[in-house]
Amino acid sequence: MSRRVSTTQGRRGRRKITLLWVAVMAAIVITLLMMEQTALLYVLATLGVTVLMVIVAMADLRGAQQVLPEPVPGDDAAAIGTGISSSLPPTATTTNAPRRPAPRAAKRR
């Protein structure tokens, strides 16, 4: 038996179990609504949200991609307050001439 066949069957099995859970929970909610047990529904909803928040809080996110922090822009607050155009030193890229885009590398085939 190939590995692909076993994973496909595993997905189907998990999907069936998930659909069974959804059907059971829907039946419970409909039954409680018909019996006018809204107080019990509020308690169950609160417990469900609490459990979900605990699961998310305990999730292991070490394997997630880390976002690199953006560079902090310079602070121009002093220049704005005194009326000076800028308190930051001019950089080499600040010119009046239009910038040309960098040439693109050839596409690999």
Protein backbone atom coordinates (compact mmCIF):
# COMPACT_ATOMS: atom_id res chain seq x y z
CA MET A 1 0.00 0.00 0.00
CA SER A 2 1.44 3.36 -0.95
CA ARG A 3 1.85 6.22 1.45
CA ARG A 4 -0.42 8.50 -0.57
CA VAL A 5 -3.40 6.14 -0.31
CA SER A 6 -3.07 5.92 3.47
CA THR A 7 -2.99 9.71 3.92
CA THR A 8 -6.04 10.14 1.70
CA GLN A 9 -7.95 7.58 3.75
CA GLY A 10 -6.78 9.29 6.95
CA ARG A 11 -8.13 12.63 5.75
CA ARG A 12 -11.47 11.08 4.88
CA GLY A 13 -11.67 9.48 8.30
CA ARG A 14 -10.88 12.74 10.07
CA ARG A 15 -13.37 14.58 7.88
CA LYS A 16 -16.10 12.08 8.78
CA ILE A 17 -15.34 12.44 12.49
CA THR A 18 -15.44 16.24 12.18
CA LEU A 19 -18.78 16.14 10.37
CA LEU A 20 -20.13 13.77 13.04
CA TRP A 21 -19.08 16.22 15.78
CA VAL A 22 -20.72 19.12 13.93
CA ALA A 23 -23.95 17.15 13.52
CA VAL A 24 -24.02 16.14 17.20
CA MET A 25 -23.37 19.71 18.36
CA ALA A 26 -26.06 21.07 16.02
CA ALA A 27 -28.54 18.51 17.38
CA ILE A 28 -27.70 19.54 20.96
CA VAL A 29 -28.14 23.24 20.19
CA ILE A 30 -31.44 22.67 18.35
CA THR A 31 -32.73 20.52 21.21
CA LEU A 32 -31.80 23.16 23.79
CA LEU A 33 -33.46 25.88 21.69
CA MET A 34 -36.65 23.84 21.38
CA MET A 35 -36.67 23.25 25.17
CA GLU A 36 -36.08 27.00 25.68
CA GLN A 37 -32.89 26.47 27.68
CA THR A 38 -31.16 29.67 26.60
CA ALA A 39 -29.35 30.07 29.92
CA LEU A 40 -27.66 26.71 29.40
CA LEU A 41 -26.78 27.73 25.83
CA TYR A 42 -25.10 30.91 27.13
CA VAL A 43 -23.05 28.90 29.61
CA LEU A 44 -22.02 26.36 26.95
CA ALA A 45 -21.09 29.13 24.49
CA THR A 46 -18.97 30.86 27.13
CA LEU A 47 -17.20 27.62 28.01
CA GLY A 48 -16.63 26.88 24.32
CA VAL A 49 -15.03 30.26 23.67
CA THR A 50 -12.90 29.90 26.81
CA VAL A 51 -11.64 26.48 25.71
CA LEU A 52 -10.86 27.84 22.25
CA MET A 53 -8.88 30.74 23.75
CA VAL A 54 -6.90 28.36 25.96
CA ILE A 55 -6.08 26.16 22.97
CA VAL A 56 -4.86 29.17 20.98
CA ALA A 57 -2.84 30.44 23.94
CA MET A 58 -1.12 27.07 24.38
CA ALA A 59 -0.40 26.64 20.65
CA ASP A 60 3.24 26.08 19.78
CA LEU A 61 4.15 28.90 17.40
CA ARG A 62 7.91 28.34 17.36
CA GLY A 63 7.74 26.85 13.88
CA ALA A 64 5.91 29.87 12.46
CA GLN A 65 7.76 32.26 10.20
CA GLN A 66 9.23 35.19 12.06
CA VAL A 67 8.61 38.65 10.68
CA LEU A 68 11.69 40.85 10.59
CA PRO A 69 11.13 44.21 12.28
CA GLU A 70 10.98 47.21 9.97
CA PRO A 71 13.65 49.86 10.45
CA VAL A 72 12.55 52.67 12.73
CA PRO A 73 12.15 55.94 10.80
CA GLY A 74 13.95 59.02 12.04
CA ASP A 75 12.12 61.36 14.36
CA ASP A 76 11.31 64.73 12.75
CA ALA A 77 9.27 66.03 15.70
CA ALA A 78 11.85 68.70 16.59
CA ALA A 79 11.98 69.99 13.02
CA ILE A 80 8.21 70.23 12.81
CA GLY A 81 8.00 72.19 16.06
CA THR A 82 10.66 74.76 15.10
CA GLY A 83 9.62 75.21 11.50
CA ILE A 84 12.86 73.77 10.07
CA SER A 85 12.32 71.63 7.00
CA SER A 86 14.13 68.64 8.48
CA SER A 87 16.45 67.87 11.37
CA LEU A 88 17.68 64.67 9.75
CA PRO A 89 20.96 64.79 7.84
CA PRO A 90 20.54 64.47 4.08
CA THR A 91 21.27 61.03 2.71
CA ALA A 92 23.11 60.08 -0.46
CA THR A 93 19.87 58.97 -2.08
CA THR A 94 18.15 62.35 -1.58
CA THR A 95 18.57 64.18 -4.88
CA ASN A 96 16.41 66.21 -7.20
CA ALA A 97 17.16 63.98 -10.18
CA PRO A 98 14.69 61.20 -10.92
CA ARG A 99 15.88 57.75 -9.92
CA ARG A 100 16.29 55.08 -12.55
CA PRO A 101 15.04 51.63 -11.72
CA ALA A 102 17.67 48.95 -11.26
CA PRO A 103 18.04 46.61 -14.25
CA ARG A 104 16.25 43.31 -13.87
CA ALA A 105 18.05 39.99 -13.94
CA ALA A 106 17.26 37.62 -16.78
CA LYS A 107 14.58 35.02 -16.05
CA ARG A 108 15.75 31.46 -15.49
CA ARG A 109 14.18 28.78 -17.62
